[in-house]
N, C-alpha and C. Protein backbone atom coordinates (compact mmCIF):
# COMPACT_ATOMS: atom_id res chain seq x y z
N UNK A 1 69.70 19.08 44.25
CA UNK A 1 69.39 20.27 44.41
C UNK A 1 68.17 20.31 45.16
N UNK A 2 68.53 21.36 45.82
CA UNK A 2 67.22 21.40 47.03
C UNK A 2 66.56 22.80 46.55
N UNK A 3 65.06 22.81 46.04
CA UNK A 3 64.41 24.24 45.85
C UNK A 3 63.69 24.41 47.23
N UNK A 4 64.61 25.63 47.81
CA UNK A 4 63.83 26.04 49.06
C UNK A 4 63.27 27.86 48.89
N UNK A 5 61.89 27.66 48.93
CA UNK A 5 61.25 29.20 48.37
C UNK A 5 60.15 29.16 49.72
N UNK A 6 60.75 29.56 50.98
CA UNK A 6 59.82 29.55 52.01
C UNK A 6 58.73 30.46 52.13
N UNK A 7 58.82 31.82 51.29
CA UNK A 7 57.83 32.81 51.40
C UNK A 7 56.83 32.70 50.20
N UNK A 8 56.83 31.83 49.37
CA UNK A 8 55.92 31.59 48.02
C UNK A 8 54.83 30.59 48.38
N UNK A 9 53.49 30.57 47.71
CA UNK A 9 52.53 30.17 47.98
C UNK A 9 52.87 28.46 47.19
N UNK A 10 51.93 27.50 47.42
CA UNK A 10 52.30 26.42 46.63
C UNK A 10 52.50 26.55 45.04
N UNK A 11 51.42 27.16 44.70
CA UNK A 11 50.97 27.52 43.32
C UNK A 11 52.68 28.43 42.50
N UNK A 12 52.97 29.18 43.03
CA UNK A 12 54.50 29.68 42.44
C UNK A 12 55.22 28.91 42.68
N UNK A 13 55.58 28.25 43.82
CA UNK A 13 56.73 27.04 44.03
C UNK A 13 56.22 26.08 43.07
N UNK A 14 55.07 25.43 42.45
CA UNK A 14 54.81 24.56 41.74
C UNK A 14 55.71 25.13 40.38
N UNK A 15 55.44 26.34 39.96
CA UNK A 15 55.88 26.97 38.61
C UNK A 15 57.49 26.84 38.50
N UNK A 16 58.08 27.16 40.05
CA UNK A 16 59.67 27.19 40.00
C UNK A 16 60.06 25.49 39.28
N UNK A 17 59.23 25.11 40.24
CA UNK A 17 59.63 23.54 39.98
C UNK A 17 59.54 23.20 38.73
N UNK A 18 58.31 23.27 37.89
CA UNK A 18 58.21 23.14 36.90
C UNK A 18 59.18 23.66 35.36
N UNK A 19 59.91 24.55 36.35
CA UNK A 19 60.89 25.02 35.42
C UNK A 19 62.04 24.61 35.65
N UNK A 20 62.49 24.53 36.76
CA UNK A 20 64.05 23.96 37.26
C UNK A 20 64.17 22.30 37.47
N UNK A 21 63.11 21.40 37.49
CA UNK A 21 63.24 20.19 37.38
C UNK A 21 63.24 19.21 36.32
N UNK A 22 62.78 19.64 35.36
CA UNK A 22 62.98 18.95 34.15
C UNK A 22 64.44 18.99 34.04
N UNK A 23 65.21 20.01 33.93
CA UNK A 23 66.68 20.24 33.17
C UNK A 23 67.80 19.69 34.19
N UNK A 24 67.29 19.67 35.85
CA UNK A 24 68.13 18.99 36.47
C UNK A 24 68.11 17.58 36.41
N UNK A 25 66.71 16.88 36.55
CA UNK A 25 66.53 15.59 36.48
C UNK A 25 67.14 14.91 35.15
N UNK A 26 67.44 15.79 34.13
CA UNK A 26 68.05 15.09 32.62
C UNK A 26 69.26 15.07 32.74
N UNK A 27 69.92 15.77 33.93
CA UNK A 27 71.12 15.43 33.75
C UNK A 27 71.65 15.15 35.27
N UNK A 28 70.80 13.86 35.72
CA UNK A 28 70.87 13.24 36.68
C UNK A 28 70.98 13.72 38.12
N UNK A 29 70.49 14.94 38.31
CA UNK A 29 70.38 15.61 39.30
C UNK A 29 69.00 15.58 40.02
N UNK A 30 69.40 15.25 41.17
CA UNK A 30 68.07 15.00 42.20
C UNK A 30 67.40 16.24 42.51
N UNK A 31 66.27 16.19 42.50
CA UNK A 31 65.58 17.54 42.90
C UNK A 31 64.80 17.22 44.30
N UNK A 32 65.52 18.05 45.24
CA UNK A 32 64.53 17.94 46.97
C UNK A 32 63.46 19.06 46.44
N UNK A 33 62.82 18.99 47.44
CA UNK A 33 61.63 20.62 47.59
C UNK A 33 61.68 20.45 48.90
N UNK A 34 61.83 21.62 49.52
CA UNK A 34 62.09 21.79 51.23
C UNK A 34 60.41 22.00 51.54
N UNK A 35 60.25 21.52 52.53
CA UNK A 35 59.27 21.57 53.49
C UNK A 35 57.90 21.04 52.93
N UNK A 36 57.77 21.00 52.08
CA UNK A 36 56.59 20.60 51.12
C UNK A 36 56.27 19.20 50.61
N UNK A 37 56.26 18.18 51.75
CA UNK A 37 56.30 16.90 51.24
C UNK A 37 54.89 16.70 49.85
N UNK A 38 54.00 16.85 50.11
CA UNK A 38 52.81 16.66 49.39
C UNK A 38 53.19 17.46 48.08
N UNK A 39 53.54 18.54 48.08
CA UNK A 39 53.61 19.72 46.78
C UNK A 39 55.06 18.83 46.32
N UNK A 40 55.86 18.23 46.88
CA UNK A 40 56.99 17.63 46.19
C UNK A 40 56.67 16.30 45.35
N UNK A 41 55.84 15.53 45.88
CA UNK A 41 54.92 14.27 45.07
C UNK A 41 54.24 14.96 43.71
N UNK A 42 53.62 15.93 44.08
CA UNK A 42 52.66 16.37 42.99
C UNK A 42 53.53 16.85 41.90
N UNK A 43 54.43 17.61 42.08
CA UNK A 43 55.39 18.36 41.00
C UNK A 43 56.53 17.12 40.57
N UNK A 44 56.47 15.79 40.95
CA UNK A 44 57.58 15.40 40.38
C UNK A 44 59.00 15.32 40.90
N UNK A 45 59.17 15.68 42.12
CA UNK A 45 60.24 15.96 42.75
C UNK A 45 60.71 14.69 43.14
N UNK A 46 62.27 14.58 43.18
CA UNK A 46 62.46 13.08 43.75
C UNK A 46 62.53 13.12 44.96
N UNK A 47 62.51 14.28 46.11
CA UNK A 47 61.87 13.97 47.34
C UNK A 47 61.77 15.13 48.12
N UNK A 48 61.92 15.08 49.31
CA UNK A 48 61.60 16.30 50.50
C UNK A 48 62.69 16.27 51.35
N UNK A 49 62.83 17.76 51.78
CA UNK A 49 63.40 18.05 52.96
C UNK A 49 62.98 18.55 53.86
N UNK A 50 62.75 17.73 55.26
CA UNK A 50 62.12 18.46 56.45
C UNK A 50 62.80 19.05 57.42
N UNK A 51 62.21 20.06 58.05
CA UNK A 51 62.80 20.51 59.05
C UNK A 51 61.90 20.20 60.21
N UNK A 52 62.64 20.13 61.47
CA UNK A 52 61.94 19.59 62.91
C UNK A 52 60.51 20.01 62.91
N UNK A 53 60.43 21.43 62.27
CA UNK A 53 58.93 22.05 62.69
C UNK A 53 57.93 21.39 61.26
N UNK A 54 58.49 20.94 60.49
CA UNK A 54 57.54 20.63 59.28
C UNK A 54 56.74 19.44 58.92
N UNK A 55 56.69 18.79 60.41
CA UNK A 55 55.85 17.74 60.16
C UNK A 55 56.97 16.88 60.53
N UNK A 56 56.55 15.03 60.54
CA UNK A 56 57.31 14.03 60.74
C UNK A 56 57.34 13.55 59.83
N UNK A 57 58.96 12.86 60.04
CA UNK A 57 59.41 11.83 59.02
C UNK A 57 58.18 10.87 58.55
N UNK A 58 57.35 10.38 59.39
CA UNK A 58 56.36 9.31 58.56
C UNK A 58 55.45 10.12 58.00
N UNK A 59 54.91 11.14 58.37
CA UNK A 59 54.15 11.99 57.25
C UNK A 59 54.69 12.20 55.89
N UNK A 60 56.07 12.56 56.14
CA UNK A 60 56.59 12.97 55.03
C UNK A 60 56.89 12.15 54.05
N UNK A 61 57.28 10.62 54.46
CA UNK A 61 57.21 9.70 53.49
C UNK A 61 56.21 9.02 53.29
N UNK A 62 54.78 9.16 53.89
CA UNK A 62 53.82 8.62 53.66
C UNK A 62 53.27 9.80 52.21
N UNK A 63 53.55 11.09 52.04
CA UNK A 63 53.17 11.72 51.32
C UNK A 63 54.17 11.69 50.08
N UNK A 64 55.60 11.44 49.86
CA UNK A 64 55.80 11.15 48.76
C UNK A 64 56.37 9.76 48.17
N UNK A 65 56.23 8.97 49.07
CA UNK A 65 56.19 7.62 49.22
C UNK A 65 57.49 6.42 48.99
N UNK A 66 57.60 5.15 49.11
CA UNK A 66 58.83 4.65 49.76
C UNK A 66 59.80 4.83 48.62
N UNK A 67 59.94 5.62 47.45
CA UNK A 67 61.05 5.19 46.57
C UNK A 67 61.71 6.56 46.82
N UNK A 68 61.08 7.68 47.23
CA UNK A 68 61.54 9.20 46.88
C UNK A 68 62.65 9.38 48.36
N UNK A 69 63.02 10.39 48.16
CA UNK A 69 64.21 10.92 49.06
C UNK A 69 63.80 11.78 50.31
N UNK A 70 63.68 11.42 51.47
CA UNK A 70 63.29 12.08 52.76
C UNK A 70 64.57 12.67 53.28
N UNK A 71 64.72 13.58 53.60
CA UNK A 71 65.80 14.26 54.22
C UNK A 71 65.20 14.98 55.74
N UNK A 72 66.24 14.81 56.59
CA UNK A 72 65.96 15.49 57.81
C UNK A 72 66.77 16.41 58.37
N UNK A 73 66.32 17.50 58.70
CA UNK A 73 67.45 18.49 59.82
C UNK A 73 67.35 17.95 61.01
N UNK A 74 68.72 17.74 61.50
CA UNK A 74 69.12 16.95 62.75
C UNK A 74 69.67 18.29 63.73
N UNK A 75 70.10 19.56 63.30
CA UNK A 75 70.47 21.11 63.82
C UNK A 75 71.87 20.21 64.64
N UNK A 76 72.06 20.46 65.71
CA UNK A 76 73.73 19.87 66.34
C UNK A 76 73.13 18.69 67.08
N UNK A 77 72.30 17.82 66.82
CA UNK A 77 71.55 16.83 67.90
C UNK A 77 72.02 15.55 67.46
N UNK A 78 72.58 14.92 68.29
CA UNK A 78 72.63 13.68 67.85
C UNK A 78 71.74 12.61 68.14
N UNK A 79 70.86 12.84 69.13
CA UNK A 79 69.53 12.03 69.20
C UNK A 79 68.62 12.10 67.98
N UNK A 80 68.41 13.26 67.58
CA UNK A 80 67.33 13.71 66.73
C UNK A 80 68.01 12.88 65.40
N UNK A 81 69.26 12.87 65.18
CA UNK A 81 69.53 11.94 63.59
C UNK A 81 69.80 10.33 64.00
N UNK A 82 70.07 9.98 65.03
CA UNK A 82 69.85 8.35 65.28
C UNK A 82 67.73 8.42 64.88
N UNK A 83 67.28 9.01 65.60
CA UNK A 83 66.08 8.70 65.54
C UNK A 83 65.71 8.82 63.75
N UNK A 84 66.07 9.91 63.15
CA UNK A 84 65.37 10.04 61.66
C UNK A 84 66.60 9.01 61.12
N UNK A 85 67.62 8.75 61.47
CA UNK A 85 68.04 7.09 60.53
C UNK A 85 67.18 6.17 61.05
N UNK A 86 67.04 5.76 62.25
CA UNK A 86 65.81 4.50 62.79
C UNK A 86 64.99 4.48 61.86
N UNK A 87 64.44 6.12 61.34
CA UNK A 87 62.93 6.00 61.15
C UNK A 87 63.15 5.57 59.68
N UNK A 88 64.42 5.66 58.98
CA UNK A 88 64.50 5.22 57.69
C UNK A 88 65.06 6.88 56.63
N UNK A 89 65.49 8.13 57.39
CA UNK A 89 65.66 8.85 56.50
C UNK A 89 66.88 8.66 55.69
N UNK A 90 66.86 9.40 54.02
CA UNK A 90 67.63 8.74 53.30
C UNK A 90 68.96 9.70 53.73
N UNK A 91 68.69 10.92 54.55
CA UNK A 91 70.16 11.88 54.72
C UNK A 91 69.58 12.30 55.99
N UNK A 92 70.96 12.70 56.87
CA UNK A 92 70.64 13.69 57.86
C UNK A 92 71.04 14.86 57.65
N UNK A 93 70.61 16.18 58.08
CA UNK A 93 71.60 17.37 57.73
C UNK A 93 71.54 18.31 59.06
N UNK A 94 73.01 18.49 59.27
CA UNK A 94 73.56 19.41 60.61
C UNK A 94 73.76 20.50 60.06
N UNK A 95 73.19 21.68 61.46
CA UNK A 95 74.20 22.87 61.13
C UNK A 95 73.20 23.67 61.90
N UNK A 96 73.49 25.22 61.80
CA UNK A 96 74.15 25.59 60.96
C UNK A 96 75.75 25.56 61.96
N UNK A 97 76.93 25.40 60.61
CA UNK A 97 78.23 25.18 61.00
C UNK A 97 78.67 26.67 60.97
N UNK A 98 78.55 27.66 60.35
CA UNK A 98 79.10 29.07 60.33
C UNK A 98 77.94 29.80 60.19
N UNK A 99 78.13 31.35 60.48
CA UNK A 99 76.82 32.00 60.35
C UNK A 99 76.41 32.30 58.99
N UNK A 100 75.15 32.24 59.00
CA UNK A 100 74.57 32.61 57.76
C UNK A 100 73.30 33.59 57.66
N UNK A 101 73.30 34.05 56.53
CA UNK A 101 72.27 34.88 55.82
C UNK A 101 71.22 34.42 55.24
N UNK A 102 71.30 33.23 55.24
CA UNK A 102 69.99 32.21 54.72
C UNK A 102 69.04 32.27 55.31
N UNK A 103 69.22 31.75 56.12
CA UNK A 103 67.91 31.75 57.45
C UNK A 103 68.63 31.92 58.98
N UNK A 104 67.52 32.28 59.83
CA UNK A 104 67.97 32.32 60.89
C UNK A 104 68.42 30.90 61.62
N UNK A 105 69.72 31.08 62.06
CA UNK A 105 70.19 29.69 62.69
C UNK A 105 70.36 29.93 64.09
N UNK A 106 69.52 29.23 64.68
CA UNK A 106 68.88 28.67 66.00
C UNK A 106 70.08 27.67 66.70
N UNK A 107 70.80 26.74 65.91
CA UNK A 107 71.72 25.94 66.36
C UNK A 107 73.33 25.99 66.21
N UNK A 108 73.72 25.83 66.44
CA UNK A 108 75.18 25.91 65.93
C UNK A 108 76.04 24.57 66.07
N UNK A 109 76.54 23.98 65.17
CA UNK A 109 77.11 22.37 64.92
C UNK A 109 78.66 22.40 64.62
N UNK A 110 79.18 21.76 65.38
CA UNK A 110 80.60 21.73 65.05
C UNK A 110 81.25 20.53 64.28
N UNK A 111 82.04 20.54 63.53
CA UNK A 111 82.78 19.36 62.40
C UNK A 111 82.88 17.93 63.32
N UNK A 112 83.10 17.88 64.33
CA UNK A 112 83.25 16.46 65.21
C UNK A 112 81.88 15.86 65.07
N UNK A 113 80.91 16.56 64.78
CA UNK A 113 79.29 15.86 64.88
C UNK A 113 79.57 15.19 63.82
N UNK A 114 79.77 15.70 62.34
CA UNK A 114 80.26 14.85 61.53
C UNK A 114 81.08 13.84 61.55
N UNK A 115 82.49 14.04 61.98
CA UNK A 115 83.01 12.72 62.07
C UNK A 115 82.32 11.72 62.87
N UNK A 116 81.69 12.04 64.11
CA UNK A 116 81.20 10.83 65.04
C UNK A 116 80.03 10.28 64.03
N UNK A 117 79.16 10.92 63.36
CA UNK A 117 78.14 10.57 62.62
C UNK A 117 78.68 9.50 61.39
N UNK A 118 80.07 10.24 60.46
CA UNK A 118 80.25 9.07 59.53
C UNK A 118 81.19 7.71 60.27
N UNK A 119 81.49 8.05 61.46
CA UNK A 119 82.09 6.56 61.76
C UNK A 119 81.67 5.62 62.16
N UNK A 120 79.99 5.80 62.46
CA UNK A 120 78.93 4.96 63.34
C UNK A 120 78.34 4.50 62.37
N UNK A 121 77.74 5.82 61.38
CA UNK A 121 76.29 5.32 60.66
C UNK A 121 76.85 5.14 59.03
N UNK A 122 75.75 4.69 58.37
CA UNK A 122 76.13 4.42 57.07
C UNK A 122 75.06 5.57 56.24
N UNK A 123 73.73 6.50 56.95
CA UNK A 123 73.19 7.32 56.22
C UNK A 123 74.11 8.50 56.17
N UNK A 124 73.71 8.96 54.57
CA UNK A 124 74.52 10.10 54.65
C UNK A 124 74.21 11.44 55.44
N UNK A 125 75.19 12.20 55.48
CA UNK A 125 74.84 13.69 56.13
C UNK A 125 75.49 14.86 55.52
N UNK A 126 74.64 16.13 55.60
CA UNK A 126 74.63 16.93 55.04
C UNK A 126 75.14 18.26 55.87
N UNK A 127 76.12 19.02 55.75
CA UNK A 127 76.62 20.06 56.23
C UNK A 127 75.52 21.13 55.79
N UNK A 128 75.10 21.91 57.00
CA UNK A 128 74.24 23.13 56.23
C UNK A 128 74.82 24.59 57.11
N UNK A 129 74.80 25.49 56.38
CA UNK A 129 74.59 26.39 57.27
C UNK A 129 76.09 27.44 57.18
N UNK A 130 76.26 28.70 56.04
CA UNK A 130 76.97 29.70 55.90
C UNK A 130 78.63 28.98 55.40
N UNK A 131 78.39 27.60 54.67
CA UNK A 131 79.61 27.19 54.01
C UNK A 131 80.02 27.68 52.75
N UNK A 132 81.26 28.02 52.71
CA UNK A 132 81.79 28.85 51.36
C UNK A 132 82.92 28.08 50.91
N UNK A 133 83.46 28.23 49.61
CA UNK A 133 84.55 27.72 49.22
C UNK A 133 85.58 27.49 50.20
N UNK A 134 85.67 28.84 51.08
CA UNK A 134 86.98 29.11 51.90
C UNK A 134 86.72 28.27 53.12
N UNK A 135 85.60 28.15 53.66
CA UNK A 135 85.39 27.44 54.96
C UNK A 135 85.02 25.81 54.77
N UNK A 136 84.93 25.26 53.21
CA UNK A 136 83.99 24.08 53.34
C UNK A 136 85.16 22.64 53.68
N UNK A 137 86.31 22.81 53.77
CA UNK A 137 87.42 21.93 53.47
C UNK A 137 87.31 21.05 55.05
N UNK A 138 87.17 21.55 56.21
CA UNK A 138 86.93 21.06 57.48
C UNK A 138 86.13 20.34 57.72
N UNK A 139 84.73 20.81 57.29
CA UNK A 139 83.57 19.96 57.03
C UNK A 139 83.46 18.67 56.15
N UNK A 140 84.08 18.35 55.19
CA UNK A 140 84.60 17.56 54.06
C UNK A 140 85.46 16.70 54.79
N UNK A 141 86.26 17.01 55.31
CA UNK A 141 87.71 16.37 55.97
C UNK A 141 86.80 15.52 57.38
N UNK A 142 85.83 16.12 58.17
CA UNK A 142 84.72 15.75 58.91
C UNK A 142 84.02 14.61 58.63
N UNK A 143 83.70 14.53 57.47
CA UNK A 143 82.76 13.31 57.16
C UNK A 143 81.77 13.85 56.63
N UNK A 144 81.35 15.17 56.30
CA UNK A 144 80.24 15.29 55.63
C UNK A 144 79.95 14.66 54.11
N UNK A 145 79.22 14.33 53.89
CA UNK A 145 78.88 13.59 52.37
C UNK A 145 78.10 14.52 51.74
N UNK A 146 77.69 15.60 52.03
CA UNK A 146 76.99 16.63 51.10
C UNK A 146 77.51 17.72 51.83
N UNK A 147 77.30 18.61 51.05
CA UNK A 147 77.33 20.23 51.56
C UNK A 147 76.10 21.26 50.91
N UNK A 148 75.48 21.90 51.93
CA UNK A 148 74.47 22.75 51.29
C UNK A 148 75.17 24.51 51.04
N UNK A 149 74.80 24.86 50.05
CA UNK A 149 75.91 25.84 49.50
C UNK A 149 75.42 26.81 48.84
N UNK A 150 74.21 27.05 49.41
CA UNK A 150 73.32 28.49 48.70
C UNK A 150 74.00 29.37 48.48
N UNK A 151 74.23 30.49 49.69
CA UNK A 151 75.06 31.43 49.91
C UNK A 151 76.75 31.04 49.80
N UNK A 152 76.99 30.29 49.58
CA UNK A 152 78.52 30.06 48.98
C UNK A 152 78.59 29.90 47.21
N UNK A 153 77.31 29.50 46.68
CA UNK A 153 77.40 29.85 45.51
C UNK A 153 76.99 31.00 44.82
N UNK A 154 75.52 31.42 45.47
CA UNK A 154 75.05 32.90 44.87
C UNK A 154 75.70 33.87 44.97
N UNK A 155 76.34 33.86 46.54
CA UNK A 155 77.31 35.16 46.86
C UNK A 155 78.93 34.96 46.73
N UNK A 156 79.37 34.10 45.82
CA UNK A 156 80.46 33.90 45.44
C UNK A 156 81.10 35.45 44.67
N UNK A 157 82.31 35.76 45.13
CA UNK A 157 82.77 36.96 44.33
C UNK A 157 82.83 37.05 42.87
N UNK A 158 83.29 35.92 42.30
CA UNK A 158 83.54 35.90 41.01
C UNK A 158 82.19 35.08 40.46
N UNK A 159 81.02 35.08 41.33
CA UNK A 159 80.00 34.46 40.60
C UNK A 159 79.77 33.08 40.69
N UNK A 160 78.58 32.46 40.36
CA UNK A 160 77.80 31.20 40.43
C UNK A 160 78.86 29.85 40.03
N UNK A 161 79.24 30.25 38.52
CA UNK A 161 80.02 29.16 38.15
C UNK A 161 81.50 29.24 38.59
N UNK A 162 81.99 29.85 38.82
CA UNK A 162 83.64 29.95 39.45
C UNK A 162 83.22 29.38 40.91
N UNK A 163 82.35 29.36 41.60
CA UNK A 163 82.03 28.85 42.87
C UNK A 163 81.44 27.46 42.83
N UNK A 164 80.94 27.20 41.71
CA UNK A 164 80.88 25.17 41.24
C UNK A 164 82.06 24.85 41.20
N UNK A 165 82.80 25.87 40.13
CA UNK A 165 83.89 24.90 40.14
C UNK A 165 85.20 24.88 41.21
N UNK A 166 84.92 25.47 42.08
CA UNK A 166 85.74 25.98 43.14
C UNK A 166 85.61 24.82 44.10
N UNK A 167 84.24 24.57 44.18
CA UNK A 167 83.60 23.53 45.49
C UNK A 167 83.88 22.41 44.74
N UNK A 168 83.76 22.06 43.26
CA UNK A 168 84.04 20.77 42.39
C UNK A 168 85.66 20.45 42.99
N UNK A 169 86.74 21.27 42.67
CA UNK A 169 87.84 20.99 42.99
C UNK A 169 88.34 20.83 44.32
N UNK A 170 87.66 21.07 45.52
CA UNK A 170 87.62 20.73 46.79
C UNK A 170 87.62 19.73 47.15
N UNK A 171 86.21 19.06 46.30
CA UNK A 171 85.56 17.92 46.55
C UNK A 171 86.79 16.86 46.04
N UNK A 172 87.09 17.01 44.85
CA UNK A 172 88.19 16.20 43.96
C UNK A 172 89.30 15.99 44.70
N UNK A 173 90.04 16.95 44.99
CA UNK A 173 90.95 17.46 46.08
C UNK A 173 90.98 16.25 47.28
N UNK A 174 89.70 16.07 47.94
CA UNK A 174 89.41 15.26 49.12
C UNK A 174 88.83 13.91 49.09
N UNK A 175 88.80 13.66 47.64
CA UNK A 175 88.34 12.35 47.12
C UNK A 175 86.84 12.08 47.05
N UNK A 176 86.44 13.04 47.23
CA UNK A 176 84.72 12.84 47.34
C UNK A 176 84.04 13.20 45.96
């Protein structure tokens, strides 16, 4: 579970983490904080996700420690993904695959990028950007190990619980 709160200050984010992290971790769900490595460490998160403008992998790793998860946004770039993987990233994130209202998508990724990555590398990949129950299957089939589905869950016409059930069915049908 990624906590992504771009417009809040560190104190407000820490309060949110203090509420969401314990029940998630009790259920075996890793809690990843977006953009803020030092705060991820301070609040007991399992790791951090950094974008290309959020500092370097080395800085993030130093802040969260050797055992934490560090994921790196790689947009639609094979090169950025290879660099992140070589540096030790625990996962690489590609996208946006579809139009999204969660953030301004400056890059468009195609499913063949996931296929290429999954065929050559062992570092897991995350598909991001506009993913819904209706459009996720090609990304899973192309090799995405994880899906970032913020809007796909919270904006689902039958509610978040129905979206989670539908995503779980999709993943079960594809053997993931």
